[in-house]
């Protein structure tokens, strides 16, 4: 299994930016595709961005053009650059493999966007 620790969240005004980080540990050599997920209040967790080991990226329509996922395989670290944030981006953000499989979920990092 792989463990993840997310950081970088906070309170930001609409239009602002944040950069989230995700440190992976454990069975990291097994990681192929890594993803950023979010869970907004009262909603189910959704996958917003993913990156394969080879660097292919995919985004949810709701964040396309605003969010950028990247990874440093040597450091077992992933990133999510979030620009042009909007109130609807308010959520707890998590990273995990895609699919998450049997990996546990980290504590996440909270992002709050004020209007």
N, C-alpha and C. Protein backbone atom coordinates (compact mmCIF):
# COMPACT_ATOMS: atom_id res chain seq x y z
N UNK A 1 0.83 -1.20 0.00
CA UNK A 1 0.00 0.00 0.00
C UNK A 1 0.86 1.25 0.00
N UNK A 2 0.22 2.33 -0.40
CA UNK A 2 0.89 3.62 -0.45
C UNK A 2 0.16 4.57 0.50
N UNK A 3 0.91 5.38 1.19
CA UNK A 3 0.34 6.39 2.07
C UNK A 3 0.60 7.78 1.47
N UNK A 4 -0.33 8.68 1.69
CA UNK A 4 -0.23 10.01 1.12
C UNK A 4 -0.45 11.07 2.20
N UNK A 5 0.32 12.15 2.10
CA UNK A 5 0.14 13.31 2.98
C UNK A 5 0.02 14.54 2.10
N UNK A 6 -1.14 15.19 2.19
CA UNK A 6 -1.41 16.36 1.39
C UNK A 6 -1.16 17.63 2.19
N UNK A 7 -0.78 18.69 1.48
CA UNK A 7 -0.55 19.98 2.13
C UNK A 7 -0.75 21.09 1.12
N UNK A 8 -0.81 22.30 1.62
CA UNK A 8 -0.85 23.46 0.74
C UNK A 8 -2.19 24.15 0.63
N UNK A 9 -3.21 23.59 1.25
CA UNK A 9 -4.52 24.21 1.18
C UNK A 9 -4.59 25.48 2.00
N UNK A 10 -5.73 26.14 1.91
CA UNK A 10 -5.91 27.37 2.67
C UNK A 10 -7.11 28.13 2.20
N UNK A 11 -7.21 29.35 2.67
CA UNK A 11 -8.30 30.25 2.31
C UNK A 11 -7.78 31.24 1.27
N UNK A 12 -8.50 31.36 0.18
CA UNK A 12 -8.08 32.25 -0.89
C UNK A 12 -9.30 32.92 -1.48
N UNK A 13 -9.12 34.10 -2.00
CA UNK A 13 -10.22 34.80 -2.65
C UNK A 13 -10.43 34.27 -4.06
N UNK A 14 -11.63 34.42 -4.55
CA UNK A 14 -11.93 34.00 -5.92
C UNK A 14 -10.95 34.67 -6.88
N UNK A 15 -10.47 33.87 -7.83
CA UNK A 15 -9.48 34.37 -8.77
C UNK A 15 -8.05 34.10 -8.36
N UNK A 16 -7.87 33.68 -7.12
CA UNK A 16 -6.54 33.43 -6.60
C UNK A 16 -6.01 32.06 -6.99
N UNK A 17 -4.83 31.76 -6.46
CA UNK A 17 -4.14 30.51 -6.79
C UNK A 17 -3.64 29.82 -5.53
N UNK A 18 -3.52 28.53 -5.62
CA UNK A 18 -2.91 27.72 -4.58
C UNK A 18 -2.15 26.59 -5.26
N UNK A 19 -1.13 26.10 -4.57
CA UNK A 19 -0.40 24.95 -5.05
C UNK A 19 -0.42 23.88 -3.97
N UNK A 20 -1.02 22.76 -4.29
CA UNK A 20 -1.10 21.66 -3.35
C UNK A 20 0.06 20.70 -3.59
N UNK A 21 0.50 20.07 -2.52
CA UNK A 21 1.55 19.07 -2.61
C UNK A 21 1.08 17.76 -2.00
N UNK A 22 1.66 16.68 -2.46
CA UNK A 22 1.28 15.35 -1.99
C UNK A 22 2.54 14.51 -1.88
N UNK A 23 2.86 14.09 -0.69
CA UNK A 23 4.03 13.24 -0.47
C UNK A 23 3.57 11.81 -0.30
N UNK A 24 4.15 10.93 -1.09
CA UNK A 24 3.80 9.51 -1.04
C UNK A 24 4.89 8.72 -0.35
N UNK A 25 4.49 7.69 0.37
CA UNK A 25 5.44 6.81 1.03
C UNK A 25 4.89 5.39 1.00
N UNK A 26 5.74 4.45 1.33
CA UNK A 26 5.32 3.05 1.31
C UNK A 26 5.70 2.40 0.00
N UNK A 27 4.79 1.69 -0.58
CA UNK A 27 5.02 0.92 -1.79
C UNK A 27 4.97 1.82 -3.02
N UNK A 28 5.81 2.84 -3.04
CA UNK A 28 5.71 3.87 -4.08
C UNK A 28 6.11 3.38 -5.46
N UNK A 29 6.90 2.33 -5.52
CA UNK A 29 7.31 1.85 -6.84
C UNK A 29 6.14 1.29 -7.62
N UNK A 30 5.05 1.04 -6.91
CA UNK A 30 3.87 0.48 -7.57
C UNK A 30 2.98 1.56 -8.18
N UNK A 31 3.33 2.84 -7.93
CA UNK A 31 2.47 3.92 -8.41
C UNK A 31 2.63 4.09 -9.91
N UNK A 32 1.53 4.03 -10.62
CA UNK A 32 1.54 4.35 -12.04
C UNK A 32 0.84 5.69 -12.23
N UNK A 33 -0.47 5.67 -12.16
CA UNK A 33 -1.22 6.91 -12.30
C UNK A 33 -1.57 7.47 -10.93
N UNK A 34 -1.28 8.75 -10.74
CA UNK A 34 -1.63 9.43 -9.50
C UNK A 34 -2.69 10.48 -9.81
N UNK A 35 -3.56 10.68 -8.87
CA UNK A 35 -4.64 11.62 -9.12
C UNK A 35 -4.92 12.52 -7.94
N UNK A 36 -5.51 13.65 -8.22
CA UNK A 36 -6.03 14.53 -7.19
C UNK A 36 -7.55 14.42 -7.20
N UNK A 37 -8.09 14.22 -6.03
CA UNK A 37 -9.52 14.10 -5.84
C UNK A 37 -9.97 15.24 -4.93
N UNK A 38 -11.25 15.52 -4.98
CA UNK A 38 -11.78 16.49 -4.02
C UNK A 38 -13.18 16.07 -3.59
N UNK A 39 -13.52 16.50 -2.38
CA UNK A 39 -14.86 16.24 -1.87
C UNK A 39 -15.40 17.55 -1.31
N UNK A 40 -16.37 18.06 -1.98
CA UNK A 40 -17.03 19.30 -1.53
C UNK A 40 -18.07 18.96 -0.48
N UNK A 41 -18.42 19.91 0.36
CA UNK A 41 -19.43 19.65 1.40
C UNK A 41 -20.71 19.10 0.81
N UNK A 42 -21.14 17.97 1.34
CA UNK A 42 -22.39 17.38 0.90
C UNK A 42 -22.31 16.63 -0.42
N UNK A 43 -21.11 16.49 -0.97
CA UNK A 43 -20.98 15.82 -2.25
C UNK A 43 -20.03 14.63 -2.15
N UNK A 44 -20.06 13.79 -3.14
CA UNK A 44 -19.16 12.65 -3.16
C UNK A 44 -17.78 13.07 -3.67
N UNK A 45 -16.80 12.28 -3.31
CA UNK A 45 -15.44 12.55 -3.78
C UNK A 45 -15.38 12.39 -5.30
N UNK A 46 -14.68 13.31 -5.96
CA UNK A 46 -14.56 13.23 -7.41
C UNK A 46 -13.09 13.38 -7.80
N UNK A 47 -12.74 12.75 -8.88
CA UNK A 47 -11.39 12.84 -9.43
C UNK A 47 -11.32 14.08 -10.31
N UNK A 48 -10.37 14.97 -10.05
CA UNK A 48 -10.30 16.20 -10.84
C UNK A 48 -9.10 16.23 -11.77
N UNK A 49 -8.06 15.48 -11.47
CA UNK A 49 -6.87 15.50 -12.33
C UNK A 49 -6.07 14.23 -12.09
N UNK A 50 -5.45 13.73 -13.13
CA UNK A 50 -4.62 12.56 -13.00
C UNK A 50 -3.43 12.65 -13.94
N UNK A 51 -2.35 11.98 -13.52
CA UNK A 51 -1.12 11.99 -14.30
C UNK A 51 -0.52 10.59 -14.29
N UNK A 52 -0.26 10.07 -15.47
CA UNK A 52 0.38 8.77 -15.57
C UNK A 52 1.87 8.91 -15.30
N UNK A 53 2.53 7.80 -15.08
CA UNK A 53 3.97 7.85 -14.81
C UNK A 53 4.71 8.46 -16.00
N UNK A 54 4.16 8.26 -17.18
CA UNK A 54 4.79 8.82 -18.37
C UNK A 54 4.47 10.28 -18.62
N UNK A 55 3.61 10.85 -17.78
CA UNK A 55 3.34 12.28 -17.88
C UNK A 55 2.05 12.64 -18.59
N UNK A 56 1.27 11.64 -18.99
CA UNK A 56 -0.01 11.96 -19.64
C UNK A 56 -0.98 12.45 -18.56
N UNK A 57 -1.64 13.57 -18.84
CA UNK A 57 -2.53 14.17 -17.85
C UNK A 57 -3.96 14.23 -18.38
N UNK A 58 -4.89 14.13 -17.47
CA UNK A 58 -6.32 14.22 -17.78
C UNK A 58 -6.98 15.05 -16.70
N UNK A 59 -7.96 15.87 -17.11
CA UNK A 59 -8.63 16.75 -16.16
C UNK A 59 -10.13 16.63 -16.29
N UNK A 60 -10.80 16.85 -15.17
CA UNK A 60 -12.25 16.99 -15.21
C UNK A 60 -12.58 18.29 -15.93
N UNK A 61 -13.72 18.30 -16.59
CA UNK A 61 -14.12 19.49 -17.34
C UNK A 61 -14.19 20.73 -16.44
N UNK A 62 -14.57 20.51 -15.19
CA UNK A 62 -14.77 21.64 -14.28
C UNK A 62 -13.46 22.37 -13.93
N UNK A 63 -12.31 21.73 -14.14
CA UNK A 63 -11.04 22.35 -13.77
C UNK A 63 -10.11 22.51 -14.96
N UNK A 64 -10.51 22.01 -16.09
CA UNK A 64 -9.65 22.06 -17.27
C UNK A 64 -9.29 23.50 -17.62
N UNK A 65 -8.02 23.73 -17.87
CA UNK A 65 -7.55 25.07 -18.19
C UNK A 65 -7.20 25.91 -16.98
N UNK A 66 -7.57 25.45 -15.79
CA UNK A 66 -7.28 26.21 -14.57
C UNK A 66 -6.33 25.45 -13.65
N UNK A 67 -6.43 24.13 -13.62
CA UNK A 67 -5.60 23.31 -12.74
C UNK A 67 -4.54 22.60 -13.57
N UNK A 68 -3.38 22.40 -12.98
CA UNK A 68 -2.30 21.67 -13.62
C UNK A 68 -1.71 20.67 -12.64
N UNK A 69 -1.72 19.41 -13.02
CA UNK A 69 -1.15 18.36 -12.18
C UNK A 69 0.27 18.09 -12.66
N UNK A 70 1.15 17.84 -11.72
CA UNK A 70 2.52 17.47 -12.06
C UNK A 70 3.04 16.52 -10.99
N UNK A 71 4.16 15.92 -11.25
CA UNK A 71 4.72 14.96 -10.31
C UNK A 71 6.23 14.91 -10.45
N UNK A 72 6.88 14.59 -9.36
CA UNK A 72 8.32 14.37 -9.34
C UNK A 72 8.51 12.94 -8.87
N UNK A 73 8.70 12.03 -9.79
CA UNK A 73 8.78 10.62 -9.44
C UNK A 73 9.98 10.32 -8.54
N UNK A 74 11.06 11.04 -8.73
CA UNK A 74 12.25 10.82 -7.91
C UNK A 74 11.99 11.18 -6.45
N UNK A 75 11.13 12.14 -6.23
CA UNK A 75 10.82 12.59 -4.87
C UNK A 75 9.52 12.00 -4.36
N UNK A 76 8.87 11.18 -5.15
CA UNK A 76 7.57 10.60 -4.76
C UNK A 76 6.60 11.70 -4.32
N UNK A 77 6.56 12.75 -5.07
CA UNK A 77 5.73 13.90 -4.72
C UNK A 77 4.89 14.31 -5.91
N UNK A 78 3.65 14.69 -5.62
CA UNK A 78 2.77 15.19 -6.64
C UNK A 78 2.33 16.60 -6.31
N UNK A 79 1.89 17.32 -7.32
CA UNK A 79 1.49 18.70 -7.13
C UNK A 79 0.21 18.98 -7.91
N UNK A 80 -0.52 19.96 -7.42
CA UNK A 80 -1.69 20.45 -8.15
C UNK A 80 -1.65 21.97 -8.07
N UNK A 81 -1.35 22.59 -9.19
CA UNK A 81 -1.39 24.05 -9.29
C UNK A 81 -2.80 24.45 -9.66
N UNK A 82 -3.41 25.28 -8.83
CA UNK A 82 -4.79 25.68 -9.04
C UNK A 82 -4.82 27.18 -9.24
N UNK A 83 -5.26 27.60 -10.41
CA UNK A 83 -5.38 29.01 -10.74
C UNK A 83 -6.84 29.37 -10.98
N UNK A 84 -7.10 30.64 -10.97
CA UNK A 84 -8.46 31.14 -11.22
C UNK A 84 -9.48 30.40 -10.36
N UNK A 85 -9.17 30.29 -9.10
CA UNK A 85 -10.05 29.54 -8.21
C UNK A 85 -11.41 30.23 -8.07
N UNK A 86 -12.41 29.41 -7.92
CA UNK A 86 -13.79 29.88 -7.79
C UNK A 86 -14.41 29.26 -6.53
N UNK A 87 -15.45 29.87 -6.00
CA UNK A 87 -16.08 29.31 -4.78
C UNK A 87 -16.46 27.83 -4.93
N UNK A 88 -16.83 27.42 -6.12
CA UNK A 88 -17.21 26.02 -6.31
C UNK A 88 -16.04 25.06 -6.23
N UNK A 89 -14.82 25.58 -6.14
CA UNK A 89 -13.65 24.74 -5.93
C UNK A 89 -13.43 24.44 -4.45
N UNK A 90 -14.21 25.05 -3.59
CA UNK A 90 -14.09 24.80 -2.17
C UNK A 90 -14.35 23.32 -1.88
N UNK A 91 -13.38 22.68 -1.24
CA UNK A 91 -13.47 21.25 -0.98
C UNK A 91 -12.25 20.80 -0.19
N UNK A 92 -12.30 19.59 0.29
CA UNK A 92 -11.11 18.91 0.81
C UNK A 92 -10.47 18.17 -0.37
N UNK A 93 -9.18 18.36 -0.53
CA UNK A 93 -8.45 17.78 -1.65
C UNK A 93 -7.55 16.65 -1.16
N UNK A 94 -7.56 15.58 -1.91
CA UNK A 94 -6.80 14.38 -1.58
C UNK A 94 -6.02 13.90 -2.81
N UNK A 95 -4.92 13.24 -2.57
CA UNK A 95 -4.26 12.55 -3.67
C UNK A 95 -4.28 11.06 -3.38
N UNK A 96 -4.22 10.30 -4.44
CA UNK A 96 -4.19 8.85 -4.33
C UNK A 96 -3.88 8.31 -5.71
N UNK A 97 -3.68 7.03 -5.79
CA UNK A 97 -3.50 6.42 -7.09
C UNK A 97 -4.85 6.39 -7.81
N UNK A 98 -4.80 6.16 -9.11
CA UNK A 98 -6.01 6.02 -9.90
C UNK A 98 -5.99 4.65 -10.57
N UNK A 99 -6.86 3.74 -10.21
CA UNK A 99 -7.84 3.86 -9.13
C UNK A 99 -7.17 3.80 -7.76
N UNK A 100 -7.90 4.18 -6.73
CA UNK A 100 -7.34 4.20 -5.39
C UNK A 100 -7.11 2.80 -4.86
N UNK A 101 -7.89 1.85 -5.31
CA UNK A 101 -7.69 0.47 -4.89
C UNK A 101 -7.77 0.32 -3.38
N UNK A 102 -6.79 -0.38 -2.80
CA UNK A 102 -6.79 -0.62 -1.36
C UNK A 102 -5.98 0.42 -0.59
N UNK A 103 -5.48 1.43 -1.27
CA UNK A 103 -4.73 2.47 -0.57
C UNK A 103 -5.66 3.24 0.36
N UNK A 104 -5.17 3.56 1.53
CA UNK A 104 -5.96 4.38 2.43
C UNK A 104 -5.90 5.84 1.96
N UNK A 105 -6.82 6.61 2.45
CA UNK A 105 -6.87 8.03 2.12
C UNK A 105 -6.17 8.85 3.20
N UNK A 106 -5.44 9.87 2.78
CA UNK A 106 -4.80 10.75 3.73
C UNK A 106 -5.82 11.68 4.37
N UNK A 107 -5.32 12.61 5.15
CA UNK A 107 -6.20 13.57 5.83
C UNK A 107 -6.75 14.61 4.87
N UNK A 108 -6.08 14.75 3.74
CA UNK A 108 -6.52 15.77 2.80
C UNK A 108 -6.05 17.16 3.22
N UNK A 109 -6.27 18.11 2.34
CA UNK A 109 -5.96 19.50 2.65
C UNK A 109 -7.16 20.34 2.21
N UNK A 110 -7.57 21.22 3.08
CA UNK A 110 -8.80 21.98 2.85
C UNK A 110 -8.53 23.23 2.03
N UNK A 111 -9.34 23.41 1.02
CA UNK A 111 -9.29 24.61 0.18
C UNK A 111 -10.62 25.33 0.30
N UNK A 112 -10.55 26.58 0.68
CA UNK A 112 -11.75 27.40 0.78
C UNK A 112 -11.57 28.63 -0.08
N UNK A 113 -12.50 28.84 -0.98
CA UNK A 113 -12.44 29.98 -1.89
C UNK A 113 -13.59 30.91 -1.57
N UNK A 114 -13.26 32.11 -1.19
CA UNK A 114 -14.30 33.08 -0.84
C UNK A 114 -14.64 33.93 -2.06
N UNK A 115 -15.89 34.33 -2.11
CA UNK A 115 -16.35 35.14 -3.25
C UNK A 115 -16.14 36.61 -3.00
